Amino acid sequence: MAVKLRLKRMGRRHRPFFRINAIDARTPRDGRILEKLGHYDPIEKDPAKQIVLNRERAEYWLSIGAVPSDTVSQILLRQGIKHKYAEEKAKSRAQAKAIARTKGKFFTKAEKIASEKKAEAKVKEAEEKAKTEAEAAKQAEEKAKAEAEAAKKAEAESKAEVKAKEAEEKANAEAKAAKKAEEKAKAAKEAEAESEAEVKAKDVEEKANAEAATAKKAEAKVKEAEEKAKTEAEAEVKTKEIKEKAEAVKKTEEKAKVEAEAIKEAETKAGAEEKAEAEPEVAEEEAEQEEDKAEEEAEANAEAKEEENPNEEEKE
């Protein structure tokens, strides 16, 4: 009969407890046991109390050929019980490990996972290294570009400053030249205005003198008429008429004076308008025409009065 040393699960859910039993290899896990050798409590915190084992009976069953399971074999080795099955398993495990190594394969899943992790770590390191190198190259390129752009910008700014200075100097020179030209033009305009004002003043004086002469002539005529009236002295009516005529002549003279003053004002206004860029020659001609008309009207009035006087004398 083949005997095995294996564990039997006891306890409840989330609270496992195992018994170490000697059992027939053909019976199921929870089947009939041959002998209870101890128990194993994995939840016990004290390592000395985790395993309780009947050492003598365990060595007995091993001596008669009982084969322990892997877990029981580990428990026995922890208790210091060496057996041939553990040594044989260690040898076979070492041989299998050596064969796997010669073939370049992994012996256990843990080794496979560890190698995969190492490979992943190497790949990550390589990726990170490449990434850092790429970032460094990119930063260096960006730095070079920034430096080149800064140099171009500085050069452009220096050129712009030089051009701005030249333009400013040119503008200052042009402004000075324009100012000088403006001053010259202003002086020329002032000289022209002064000369025009002098000419106009002379014209006005001449016209005033002519009007004064005409007024004197009219006064002389009035005096002559008065003298005639006095010498005649034939009738009061005649003298009265003569006086009335003289008064009418005075009125006409005053009217002529008023018209002359109006003409003077028109001339002054025309001079102001001429200063404001009016046409001077046309205004002067119109003023002269108005003066001539006024003189002609005054002379006509005087002649008409003279003609009326002899008619009145005849009537008398």
C-alpha atoms as a PDB file:
ATOM      1  CA  MET A   1       0.000   0.000   0.000  1.00  0.00           C
ATOM      2  CA  ALA A   2       1.389   3.443  -1.015  1.00  0.00           C
ATOM      3  CA  VAL A   3       1.216   5.954   1.829  1.00  0.00           C
ATOM      4  CA  LYS A   4       1.357   9.753   1.416  1.00  0.00           C
ATOM      5  CA  LEU A   5       1.867  12.489   3.953  1.00  0.00           C
ATOM      6  CA  ARG A   6      -0.403  15.392   3.021  1.00  0.00           C
ATOM      7  CA  LEU A   7      -2.610  18.136   4.427  1.00  0.00           C
ATOM      8  CA  LYS A   8      -6.330  18.066   5.139  1.00  0.00           C
ATOM      9  CA  ARG A   9      -8.182  21.406   5.167  1.00  0.00           C
ATOM     10  CA  MET A  10     -10.246  22.145   8.241  1.00  0.00           C
ATOM     11  CA  GLY A  11     -11.696  25.305   9.795  1.00  0.00           C
ATOM     12  CA  ARG A  12     -14.135  27.707   8.111  1.00  0.00           C
ATOM     13  CA  ARG A  13     -14.171  30.268   5.322  1.00  0.00           C
ATOM     14  CA  HIS A  14     -11.404  32.863   5.619  1.00  0.00           C
ATOM     15  CA  ARG A  15     -10.041  30.895   8.583  1.00  0.00           C
ATOM     16  CA  PRO A  16      -8.176  27.888   7.165  1.00  0.00           C
ATOM     17  CA  PHE A  17      -6.633  25.204   9.387  1.00  0.00           C
ATOM     18  CA  PHE A  18      -4.767  22.149   8.109  1.00  0.00           C
ATOM     19  CA  ARG A  19      -4.074  18.724   9.613  1.00  0.00           C
ATOM     20  CA  ILE A  20      -0.954  16.725   8.706  1.00  0.00           C
ATOM     21  CA  ASN A  21      -2.050  13.133   8.086  1.00  0.00           C
ATOM     22  CA  ALA A  22      -0.666   9.836   6.865  1.00  0.00           C
ATOM     23  CA  ILE A  23      -3.184   8.681   4.265  1.00  0.00           C
ATOM     24  CA  ASP A  24      -3.522   6.051   1.587  1.00  0.00           C
ATOM     25  CA  ALA A  25      -2.577   7.538  -1.799  1.00  0.00           C
ATOM     26  CA  ARG A  26      -5.771   6.162  -3.340  1.00  0.00           C
ATOM     27  CA  THR A  27      -8.157   7.873  -0.927  1.00  0.00           C
ATOM     28  CA  PRO A  28      -9.505  11.367  -1.651  1.00  0.00           C
ATOM     29  CA  ARG A  29      -8.343  14.493   0.166  1.00  0.00           C
ATOM     30  CA  ASP A  30     -10.955  14.398   2.920  1.00  0.00           C
ATOM     31  CA  GLY A  31     -11.122  10.573   3.008  1.00  0.00           C
ATOM     32  CA  ARG A  32     -10.222   8.150   5.768  1.00  0.00           C
ATOM     33  CA  ILE A  33      -6.783   8.730   7.326  1.00  0.00           C
ATOM     34  CA  LEU A  34      -4.274   6.238   8.633  1.00  0.00           C
ATOM     35  CA  GLU A  35      -2.789   8.430  11.376  1.00  0.00           C
ATOM     36  CA  LYS A  36      -2.824  12.048  12.507  1.00  0.00           C
ATOM     37  CA  LEU A  37       0.734  13.435  12.683  1.00  0.00           C
ATOM     38  CA  GLY A  38       0.033  17.087  13.675  1.00  0.00           C
ATOM     39  CA  HIS A  39      -1.490  20.319  12.345  1.00  0.00           C
ATOM     40  CA  TYR A  40      -0.528  23.578  10.532  1.00  0.00           C
ATOM     41  CA  ASP A  41      -2.137  26.935  11.336  1.00  0.00           C
ATOM     42  CA  PRO A  42      -1.018  29.573   8.775  1.00  0.00           C
ATOM     43  CA  ILE A  43      -2.949  32.390  10.513  1.00  0.00           C
ATOM     44  CA  GLU A  44      -1.131  31.969  13.817  1.00  0.00           C
ATOM     45  CA  LYS A  45       1.189  34.945  14.312  1.00  0.00           C
ATOM     46  CA  ASP A  46       3.685  33.065  16.498  1.00  0.00           C
ATOM     47  CA  PRO A  47       5.909  30.953  14.160  1.00  0.00           C
ATOM     48  CA  ALA A  48       6.596  28.410  16.956  1.00  0.00           C
ATOM     49  CA  LYS A  49       2.872  27.706  17.325  1.00  0.00           C
ATOM     50  CA  GLN A  50       2.078  27.545  13.615  1.00  0.00           C
ATOM     51  CA  ILE A  51       3.321  23.926  13.261  1.00  0.00           C
ATOM     52  CA  VAL A  52       2.603  21.109  15.765  1.00  0.00           C
ATOM     53  CA  LEU A  53       4.171  17.786  14.602  1.00  0.00           C
ATOM     54  CA  ASN A  54       4.737  14.303  16.044  1.00  0.00           C
ATOM     55  CA  ARG A  55       8.335  14.001  14.956  1.00  0.00           C
ATOM     56  CA  GLU A  56       8.817  10.297  15.774  1.00  0.00           C
ATOM     57  CA  ARG A  57       5.740   9.152  13.862  1.00  0.00           C
ATOM     58  CA  ALA A  58       6.591  11.342  10.894  1.00  0.00           C
ATOM     59  CA  GLU A  59      10.105   9.842  10.745  1.00  0.00           C
ATOM     60  CA  TYR A  60       8.570   6.373  11.037  1.00  0.00           C
ATOM     61  CA  TRP A  61       6.269   6.858   8.069  1.00  0.00           C
ATOM     62  CA  LEU A  62       9.148   8.302   6.056  1.00  0.00           C
ATOM     63  CA  SER A  63      11.314   5.319   6.943  1.00  0.00           C
ATOM     64  CA  ILE A  64       8.760   2.834   5.643  1.00  0.00           C
ATOM     65  CA  GLY A  65       8.429   4.676   2.299  1.00  0.00           C
ATOM     66  CA  ALA A  66       5.704   7.302   2.815  1.00  0.00           C
ATOM     67  CA  VAL A  67       5.940  10.097   0.229  1.00  0.00           C
ATOM     68  CA  PRO A  68       5.247  13.646   1.491  1.00  0.00           C
ATOM     69  CA  SER A  69       3.505  16.278  -0.634  1.00  0.00           C
ATOM     70  CA  ASP A  70       5.413  19.409  -1.557  1.00  0.00           C
ATOM     71  CA  THR A  71       3.837  21.482   1.209  1.00  0.00           C
ATOM     72  CA  VAL A  72       4.389  18.770   3.853  1.00  0.00           C
ATOM     73  CA  SER A  73       7.971  18.341   2.611  1.00  0.00           C
ATOM     74  CA  GLN A  74       8.587  22.057   3.220  1.00  0.00           C
ATOM     75  CA  ILE A  75       7.032  21.767   6.706  1.00  0.00           C
ATOM     76  CA  LEU A  76       9.234  18.789   7.545  1.00  0.00           C
ATOM     77  CA  LEU A  77      12.364  20.618   6.375  1.00  0.00           C
ATOM     78  CA  ARG A  78      11.382  23.623   8.521  1.00  0.00           C
ATOM     79  CA  GLN A  79      11.175  21.238  11.488  1.00  0.00           C
ATOM     80  CA  GLY A  80      14.634  19.881  10.657  1.00  0.00           C
ATOM     81  CA  ILE A  81      13.504  16.519   9.327  1.00  0.00           C
ATOM     82  CA  LYS A  82      15.529  15.647   6.243  1.00  0.00           C
ATOM     83  CA  HIS A  83      14.319  12.968   3.881  1.00  0.00           C
ATOM     84  CA  LYS A  84      15.371  11.463   0.598  1.00  0.00           C
ATOM     85  CA  TYR A  85      12.334  12.698  -1.295  1.00  0.00           C
ATOM     86  CA  ALA A  86      13.317  16.312  -0.668  1.00  0.00           C
ATOM     87  CA  GLU A  87      16.895  15.620  -1.752  1.00  0.00           C
ATOM     88  CA  GLU A  88      15.700  13.810  -4.889  1.00  0.00           C
ATOM     89  CA  LYS A  89      13.291  16.616  -5.703  1.00  0.00           C
ATOM     90  CA  ALA A  90      16.033  19.214  -5.187  1.00  0.00           C
ATOM     91  CA  LYS A  91      18.365  17.258  -7.496  1.00  0.00           C
ATOM     92  CA  SER A  92      15.694  16.817 -10.169  1.00  0.00           C
ATOM     93  CA  ARG A  93      14.771  20.468  -9.821  1.00  0.00           C
ATOM     94  CA  ALA A  94      18.425  21.496 -10.221  1.00  0.00           C
ATOM     95  CA  GLN A  95      18.815  19.261 -13.277  1.00  0.00           C
ATOM     96  CA  ALA A  96      15.623  20.635 -14.844  1.00  0.00           C
ATOM     97  CA  LYS A  97      16.762  24.162 -14.080  1.00  0.00           C
ATOM     98  CA  ALA A  98      20.155  23.497 -15.690  1.00  0.00           C
ATOM     99  CA  ILE A  99      18.484  22.008 -18.783  1.00  0.00           C
ATOM    100  CA  ALA A 100      16.150  24.975 -19.065  1.00  0.00           C
ATOM    101  CA  ARG A 101      19.087  27.355 -18.725  1.00  0.00           C
ATOM    102  CA  THR A 102      21.033  25.510 -21.451  1.00  0.00           C
ATOM    103  CA  LYS A 103      17.997  25.756 -23.713  1.00  0.00           C
ATOM    104  CA  GLY A 104      17.577  29.398 -22.852  1.00  0.00           C
ATOM    105  CA  LYS A 105      14.171  28.861 -21.294  1.00  0.00           C
ATOM    106  CA  PHE A 106      12.735  29.909 -17.967  1.00  0.00           C
ATOM    107  CA  PHE A 107      12.493  27.279 -15.282  1.00  0.00           C
ATOM    108  CA  THR A 108       9.746  28.900 -13.238  1.00  0.00           C
ATOM    109  CA  LYS A 109       7.033  31.423 -13.860  1.00  0.00           C
ATOM    110  CA  ALA A 110       8.667  33.752 -11.380  1.00  0.00           C
ATOM    111  CA  GLU A 111      11.870  33.742 -13.410  1.00  0.00           C
ATOM    112  CA  LYS A 112       9.867  34.416 -16.562  1.00  0.00           C
ATOM    113  CA  ILE A 113       8.044  37.300 -14.893  1.00  0.00           C
ATOM    114  CA  ALA A 114      11.319  38.655 -13.514  1.00  0.00           C
ATOM    115  CA  SER A 115      13.002  38.445 -16.929  1.00  0.00           C
ATOM    116  CA  GLU A 116      10.005  40.061 -18.561  1.00  0.00           C
ATOM    117  CA  LYS A 117      10.108  42.848 -15.991  1.00  0.00           C
ATOM    118  CA  LYS A 118      13.835  43.309 -16.608  1.00  0.00           C
ATOM    119  CA  ALA A 119      13.253  43.434 -20.362  1.00  0.00           C
ATOM    120  CA  GLU A 120      10.416  45.898 -19.878  1.00  0.00           C
ATOM    121  CA  ALA A 121      12.607  47.964 -17.582  1.00  0.00           C
ATOM    122  CA  LYS A 122      15.405  47.940 -20.184  1.00  0.00           C
ATOM    123  CA  VAL A 123      12.945  48.907 -22.911  1.00  0.00           C
ATOM    124  CA  LYS A 124      11.566  51.686 -20.725  1.00  0.00           C
ATOM    125  CA  GLU A 125      15.077  52.856 -19.914  1.00  0.00           C
ATOM    126  CA  ALA A 126      15.973  52.836 -23.607  1.00  0.00           C
ATOM    127  CA  GLU A 127      12.740  54.672 -24.445  1.00  0.00           C
ATOM    128  CA  GLU A 128      13.300  57.201 -21.665  1.00  0.00           C
ATOM    129  CA  LYS A 129      16.913  57.615 -22.747  1.00  0.00           C
ATOM    130  CA  ALA A 130      15.853  58.119 -26.363  1.00  0.00           C
ATOM    131  CA  LYS A 131      13.113  60.446 -25.211  1.00  0.00           C
ATOM    132  CA  THR A 132      15.507  62.482 -23.066  1.00  0.00           C
ATOM    133  CA  GLU A 133      18.022  62.579 -25.917  1.00  0.00           C
ATOM    134  CA  ALA A 134      15.283  63.667 -28.337  1.00  0.00           C
ATOM    135  CA  GLU A 135      14.088  66.314 -25.876  1.00  0.00           C
ATOM    136  CA  ALA A 136      17.674  67.486 -25.364  1.00  0.00           C
ATOM    137  CA  ALA A 137      18.191  67.639 -29.136  1.00  0.00           C
ATOM    138  CA  LYS A 138      14.883  69.460 -29.526  1.00  0.00           C
ATOM    139  CA  GLN A 139      15.778  71.905 -26.759  1.00  0.00           C
ATOM    140  CA  ALA A 140      19.208  72.455 -28.320  1.00  0.00           C
ATOM    141  CA  GLU A 141      17.575  73.031 -31.716  1.00  0.00           C
ATOM    142  CA  GLU A 142      15.017  75.398 -30.199  1.00  0.00           C
ATOM    143  CA  LYS A 143      17.779  77.182 -28.336  1.00  0.00           C
ATOM    144  CA  ALA A 144      19.784  77.530 -31.546  1.00  0.00           C
ATOM    145  CA  LYS A 145      16.699  78.790 -33.363  1.00  0.00           C
ATOM    146  CA  ALA A 146      15.950  81.241 -30.561  1.00  0.00           C
ATOM    147  CA  GLU A 147      19.533  82.497 -30.593  1.00  0.00           C
ATOM    148  CA  ALA A 148      19.435  82.869 -34.387  1.00  0.00           C
ATOM    149  CA  GLU A 149      16.099  84.700 -34.178  1.00  0.00           C
ATOM    150  CA  ALA A 150      17.441  86.911 -31.386  1.00  0.00           C
ATOM    151  CA  ALA A 151      20.506  87.713 -33.481  1.00  0.00           C
ATOM    152  CA  LYS A 152      18.333  88.506 -36.514  1.00  0.00           C
ATOM    153  CA  LYS A 153      16.027  90.598 -34.369  1.00  0.00           C
ATOM    154  CA  ALA A 154      18.942  92.500 -32.836  1.00  0.00           C
ATOM    155  CA  GLU A 155      20.413  93.111 -36.294  1.00  0.00           C
ATOM    156  CA  ALA A 156      17.036  94.250 -37.631  1.00  0.00           C
ATOM    157  CA  GLU A 157      16.553  96.527 -34.605  1.00  0.00           C
ATOM    158  CA  SER A 158      19.997  98.049 -35.088  1.00  0.00           C
ATOM    159  CA  LYS A 159      19.256  98.645 -38.781  1.00  0.00           C
ATOM    160  CA  ALA A 160      15.864 100.089 -37.909  1.00  0.00           C
ATOM    161  CA  GLU A 161      17.465 102.409 -35.339  1.00  0.00           C
ATOM    162  CA  VAL A 162      20.014 103.618 -37.916  1.00  0.00           C
ATOM    163  CA  LYS A 163      17.243 104.176 -40.468  1.00  0.00           C
ATOM    164  CA  ALA A 164      15.092 105.935 -37.860  1.00  0.00           C
ATOM    165  CA  LYS A 165      17.982 108.245 -36.958  1.00  0.00           C
ATOM    166  CA  GLU A 166      18.630 109.028 -40.611  1.00  0.00           C
ATOM    167  CA  ALA A 167      14.918 109.652 -41.218  1.00  0.00           C
ATOM    168  CA  GLU A 168      14.744 111.877 -38.128  1.00  0.00           C
ATOM    169  CA  GLU A 169      17.775 113.898 -39.228  1.00  0.00           C
ATOM    170  CA  LYS A 170      16.316 114.209 -42.725  1.00  0.00           C
ATOM    171  CA  ALA A 171      12.949 115.292 -41.305  1.00  0.00           C
ATOM    172  CA  ASN A 172      14.638 117.876 -39.065  1.00  0.00           C
ATOM    173  CA  ALA A 173      16.570 119.276 -42.028  1.00  0.00           C
ATOM    174  CA  GLU A 174      13.403 119.410 -44.137  1.00  0.00           C
ATOM    175  CA  ALA A 175      11.512 121.054 -41.286  1.00  0.00           C
ATOM    176  CA  LYS A 176      14.231 123.704 -40.928  1.00  0.00           C
ATOM    177  CA  ALA A 177      14.226 124.354 -44.675  1.00  0.00           C
ATOM    178  CA  ALA A 178      10.427 124.549 -44.706  1.00  0.00           C
ATOM    179  CA  LYS A 179      10.495 126.942 -41.763  1.00  0.00           C
ATOM    180  CA  LYS A 180      13.002 129.196 -43.503  1.00  0.00           C
ATOM    181  CA  ALA A 181      10.960 129.146 -46.709  1.00  0.00           C
ATOM    182  CA  GLU A 182       7.801 129.922 -44.738  1.00  0.00           C
ATOM    183  CA  GLU A 183       9.509 132.853 -43.010  1.00  0.00           C
ATOM    184  CA  LYS A 184      10.720 134.188 -46.365  1.00  0.00           C
ATOM    185  CA  ALA A 185       7.251 133.836 -47.894  1.00  0.00           C
ATOM    186  CA  LYS A 186       5.724 135.531 -44.865  1.00  0.00           C
ATOM    187  CA  ALA A 187       8.179 138.421 -45.094  1.00  0.00           C
ATOM    188  CA  ALA A 188       7.483 138.774 -48.836  1.00  0.00           C
ATOM    189  CA  LYS A 189       3.729 138.780 -48.203  1.00  0.00           C
ATOM    190  CA  GLU A 190       4.094 141.386 -45.475  1.00  0.00           C
ATOM    191  CA  ALA A 191       6.207 143.588 -47.794  1.00  0.00           C
ATOM    192  CA  GLU A 192       3.648 143.218 -50.580  1.00  0.00           C
ATOM    193  CA  ALA A 193       0.819 144.030 -48.179  1.00  0.00           C
ATOM    194  CA  GLU A 194       2.640 147.102 -46.908  1.00  0.00           C
ATOM    195  CA  SER A 195       3.313 148.336 -50.450  1.00  0.00           C
ATOM    196  CA  GLU A 196      -0.312 147.724 -51.443  1.00  0.00           C
ATOM    197  CA  ALA A 197      -1.505 149.527 -48.325  1.00  0.00           C
ATOM    198  CA  GLU A 198       0.713 152.522 -49.142  1.00  0.00           C
ATOM    199  CA  VAL A 199      -0.583 152.640 -52.725  1.00  0.00           C
ATOM    200  CA  LYS A 200      -4.178 152.415 -51.525  1.00  0.00           C
ATOM    201  CA  ALA A 201      -3.567 155.122 -48.935  1.00  0.00           C
ATOM    202  CA  LYS A 202      -2.140 157.377 -51.631  1.00  0.00           C
ATOM    203  CA  ASP A 203      -5.160 156.706 -53.841  1.00  0.00           C
ATOM    204  CA  VAL A 204      -7.509 157.484 -50.982  1.00  0.00           C
ATOM    205  CA  GLU A 205      -5.658 160.739 -50.246  1.00  0.00           C
ATOM    206  CA  GLU A 206      -5.798 161.762 -53.881  1.00  0.00           C
ATOM    207  CA  LYS A 207      -9.505 160.997 -54.014  1.00  0.00           C
ATOM    208  CA  ALA A 208     -10.087 162.938 -50.819  1.00  0.00           C
ATOM    209  CA  ASN A 209      -8.153 165.886 -52.250  1.00  0.00           C
ATOM    210  CA  ALA A 210     -10.222 165.724 -55.421  1.00  0.00           C
ATOM    211  CA  GLU A 211     -13.427 165.649 -53.379  1.00  0.00           C
ATOM    212  CA  ALA A 212     -12.205 168.583 -51.315  1.00  0.00           C
ATOM    213  CA  ALA A 213     -11.473 170.495 -54.514  1.00  0.00           C
ATOM    214  CA  THR A 214     -14.951 169.755 -55.829  1.00  0.00           C
ATOM    215  CA  ALA A 215     -16.425 170.841 -52.518  1.00  0.00           C
ATOM    216  CA  LYS A 216     -14.446 174.102 -52.659  1.00  0.00           C
ATOM    217  CA  LYS A 217     -15.705 174.715 -56.172  1.00  0.00           C
ATOM    218  CA  ALA A 218     -19.248 174.129 -54.961  1.00  0.00           C
ATOM    219  CA  GLU A 219     -18.702 176.512 -52.072  1.00  0.00           C
ATOM    220  CA  ALA A 220     -17.304 179.136 -54.435  1.00  0.00           C
ATOM    221  CA  LYS A 221     -20.338 178.789 -56.629  1.00  0.00           C
ATOM    222  CA  VAL A 222     -22.608 179.144 -53.612  1.00  0.00           C
ATOM    223  CA  LYS A 223     -20.742 182.253 -52.562  1.00  0.00           C
ATOM    224  CA  GLU A 224     -21.064 183.700 -56.045  1.00  0.00           C
ATOM    225  CA  ALA A 225     -24.781 182.967 -55.984  1.00  0.00           C
ATOM    226  CA  GLU A 226     -25.122 184.609 -52.611  1.00  0.00           C
ATOM    227  CA  GLU A 227     -23.190 187.645 -53.809  1.00  0.00           C
ATOM    228  CA  LYS A 228     -25.406 187.886 -56.824  1.00  0.00           C
ATOM    229  CA  ALA A 229     -28.453 187.631 -54.597  1.00  0.00           C
ATOM    230  CA  LYS A 230     -27.133 190.351 -52.311  1.00  0.00           C
ATOM    231  CA  THR A 231     -26.246 192.662 -55.159  1.00  0.00           C
ATOM    232  CA  GLU A 232     -29.546 192.105 -56.801  1.00  0.00           C
ATOM    233  CA  ALA A 233     -31.474 192.496 -53.555  1.00  0.00           C
ATOM    234  CA  GLU A 234     -34.514 193.261 -55.568  1.00  0.00           C
ATOM    235  CA  ALA A 235     -36.847 191.210 -53.568  1.00  0.00           C
ATOM    236  CA  GLU A 236     -36.946 189.202 -50.484  1.00  0.00           C
ATOM    237  CA  VAL A 237     -38.380 186.310 -52.341  1.00  0.00           C
ATOM    238  CA  LYS A 238     -35.415 186.208 -54.638  1.00  0.00           C
ATOM    239  CA  THR A 239     -33.031 186.342 -51.724  1.00  0.00           C
ATOM    240  CA  LYS A 240     -34.985 183.634 -49.971  1.00  0.00           C
ATOM    241  CA  GLU A 241     -34.876 181.490 -53.070  1.00  0.00           C
ATOM    242  CA  ILE A 242     -31.162 182.077 -53.363  1.00  0.00           C
ATOM    243  CA  LYS A 243     -30.727 181.085 -49.735  1.00  0.00           C
ATOM    244  CA  GLU A 244     -32.826 178.015 -50.302  1.00  0.00           C
ATOM    245  CA  LYS A 245     -30.729 177.172 -53.317  1.00  0.00           C
ATOM    246  CA  ALA A 246     -27.597 177.685 -51.265  1.00  0.00           C
ATOM    247  CA  GLU A 247     -28.983 175.409 -48.591  1.00  0.00           C
ATOM    248  CA  ALA A 248     -29.855 172.828 -51.251  1.00  0.00           C
ATOM    249  CA  VAL A 249     -26.298 173.106 -52.544  1.00  0.00           C
ATOM    250  CA  LYS A 250     -25.005 172.569 -49.027  1.00  0.00           C
ATOM    251  CA  LYS A 251     -27.196 169.558 -48.667  1.00  0.00           C
ATOM    252  CA  THR A 252     -25.885 168.174 -51.928  1.00  0.00           C
ATOM    253  CA  GLU A 253     -22.347 168.874 -50.724  1.00  0.00           C
ATOM    254  CA  GLU A 254     -23.073 167.107 -47.457  1.00  0.00           C
ATOM    255  CA  LYS A 255     -24.607 164.267 -49.445  1.00  0.00           C
ATOM    256  CA  ALA A 256     -21.478 164.201 -51.592  1.00  0.00           C
ATOM    257  CA  LYS A 257     -19.368 164.144 -48.449  1.00  0.00           C
ATOM    258  CA  VAL A 258     -21.431 161.297 -47.045  1.00  0.00           C
ATOM    259  CA  GLU A 259     -21.079 159.449 -50.328  1.00  0.00           C
ATOM    260  CA  ALA A 260     -17.338 160.148 -50.302  1.00  0.00           C
ATOM    261  CA  GLU A 261     -17.115 158.736 -46.769  1.00  0.00           C
ATOM    262  CA  ALA A 262     -19.135 155.701 -47.872  1.00  0.00           C
ATOM    263  CA  ILE A 263     -16.713 155.343 -50.774  1.00  0.00           C
ATOM    264  CA  LYS A 264     -13.799 155.551 -48.344  1.00  0.00           C
ATOM    265  CA  GLU A 265     -15.369 152.851 -46.176  1.00  0.00           C
ATOM    266  CA  ALA A 266     -15.969 150.735 -49.263  1.00  0.00           C
ATOM    267  CA  GLU A 267     -12.332 151.273 -50.204  1.00  0.00           C
ATOM    268  CA  THR A 268     -11.151 150.247 -46.740  1.00  0.00           C
ATOM    269  CA  LYS A 269     -13.385 147.149 -46.896  1.00  0.00           C
ATOM    270  CA  ALA A 270     -12.068 146.428 -50.372  1.00  0.00           C
ATOM    271  CA  GLY A 271      -8.511 146.744 -49.023  1.00  0.00           C
ATOM    272  CA  ALA A 272      -9.307 144.256 -46.230  1.00  0.00           C
ATOM    273  CA  GLU A 273     -10.844 141.875 -48.718  1.00  0.00           C
ATOM    274  CA  GLU A 274      -7.799 142.295 -50.943  1.00  0.00           C
ATOM    275  CA  LYS A 275      -5.641 141.262 -48.007  1.00  0.00           C
ATOM    276  CA  ALA A 276      -7.858 138.189 -47.659  1.00  0.00           C
ATOM    277  CA  GLU A 277      -6.888 137.158 -51.220  1.00  0.00           C
ATOM    278  CA  ALA A 278      -9.564 139.162 -53.144  1.00  0.00           C
ATOM    279  CA  GLU A 279      -9.070 140.669 -56.558  1.00  0.00           C
ATOM    280  CA  PRO A 280      -7.663 144.176 -55.898  1.00  0.00           C
ATOM    281  CA  GLU A 281      -7.833 145.620 -59.387  1.00  0.00           C
ATOM    282  CA  VAL A 282     -11.574 144.969 -59.842  1.00  0.00           C
ATOM    283  CA  ALA A 283     -12.431 146.549 -56.473  1.00  0.00           C
ATOM    284  CA  GLU A 284     -10.397 149.685 -57.251  1.00  0.00           C
ATOM    285  CA  GLU A 285     -12.045 150.078 -60.639  1.00  0.00           C
ATOM    286  CA  GLU A 286     -15.512 149.729 -59.081  1.00  0.00           C
ATOM    287  CA  ALA A 287     -14.613 152.317 -56.393  1.00  0.00           C
ATOM    288  CA  GLU A 288     -13.316 154.754 -59.030  1.00  0.00           C
ATOM    289  CA  GLN A 289     -16.475 154.217 -61.068  1.00  0.00           C
ATOM    290  CA  GLU A 290     -18.612 154.937 -57.998  1.00  0.00           C
ATOM    291  CA  GLU A 291     -16.602 158.105 -57.244  1.00  0.00           C
ATOM    292  CA  ASP A 292     -16.891 159.249 -60.839  1.00  0.00           C
ATOM    293  CA  LYS A 293     -20.651 158.650 -60.722  1.00  0.00           C
ATOM    294  CA  ALA A 294     -20.917 160.595 -57.469  1.00  0.00           C
ATOM    295  CA  GLU A 295     -18.930 163.521 -58.950  1.00  0.00           C
ATOM    296  CA  GLU A 296     -21.023 163.458 -62.105  1.00  0.00           C
ATOM    297  CA  GLU A 297     -24.247 163.468 -60.049  1.00  0.00           C
ATOM    298  CA  ALA A 298     -22.979 166.369 -57.934  1.00  0.00           C
ATOM    299  CA  GLU A 299     -22.018 168.384 -61.028  1.00  0.00           C
ATOM    300  CA  ALA A 300     -25.350 167.550 -62.672  1.00  0.00           C
ATOM    301  CA  ASN A 301     -27.230 168.715 -59.570  1.00  0.00           C
ATOM    302  CA  ALA A 302     -25.235 171.917 -59.471  1.00  0.00           C
ATOM    303  CA  GLU A 303     -25.809 172.614 -63.186  1.00  0.00           C
ATOM    304  CA  ALA A 304     -29.510 171.868 -62.767  1.00  0.00           C
ATOM    305  CA  LYS A 305     -29.729 174.372 -59.951  1.00  0.00           C
ATOM    306  CA  GLU A 306     -27.861 176.979 -61.983  1.00  0.00           C
ATOM    307  CA  GLU A 307     -30.243 176.409 -64.854  1.00  0.00           C
ATOM    308  CA  GLU A 308     -33.232 176.782 -62.501  1.00  0.00           C
ATOM    309  CA  ASN A 309     -31.942 180.101 -61.125  1.00  0.00           C
ATOM    310  CA  PRO A 310     -32.127 182.099 -64.392  1.00  0.00           C
ATOM    311  CA  ASN A 311     -35.632 180.724 -65.029  1.00  0.00           C
ATOM    312  CA  GLU A 312     -36.739 181.999 -61.670  1.00  0.00           C
ATOM    313  CA  GLU A 313     -35.118 185.384 -62.384  1.00  0.00           C
ATOM    314  CA  GLU A 314     -36.963 185.599 -65.627  1.00  0.00           C
ATOM    315  CA  LYS A 315     -40.254 184.857 -63.854  1.00  0.00           C
ATOM    316  CA  GLU A 316     -39.637 187.591 -61.395  1.00  0.00           C
END
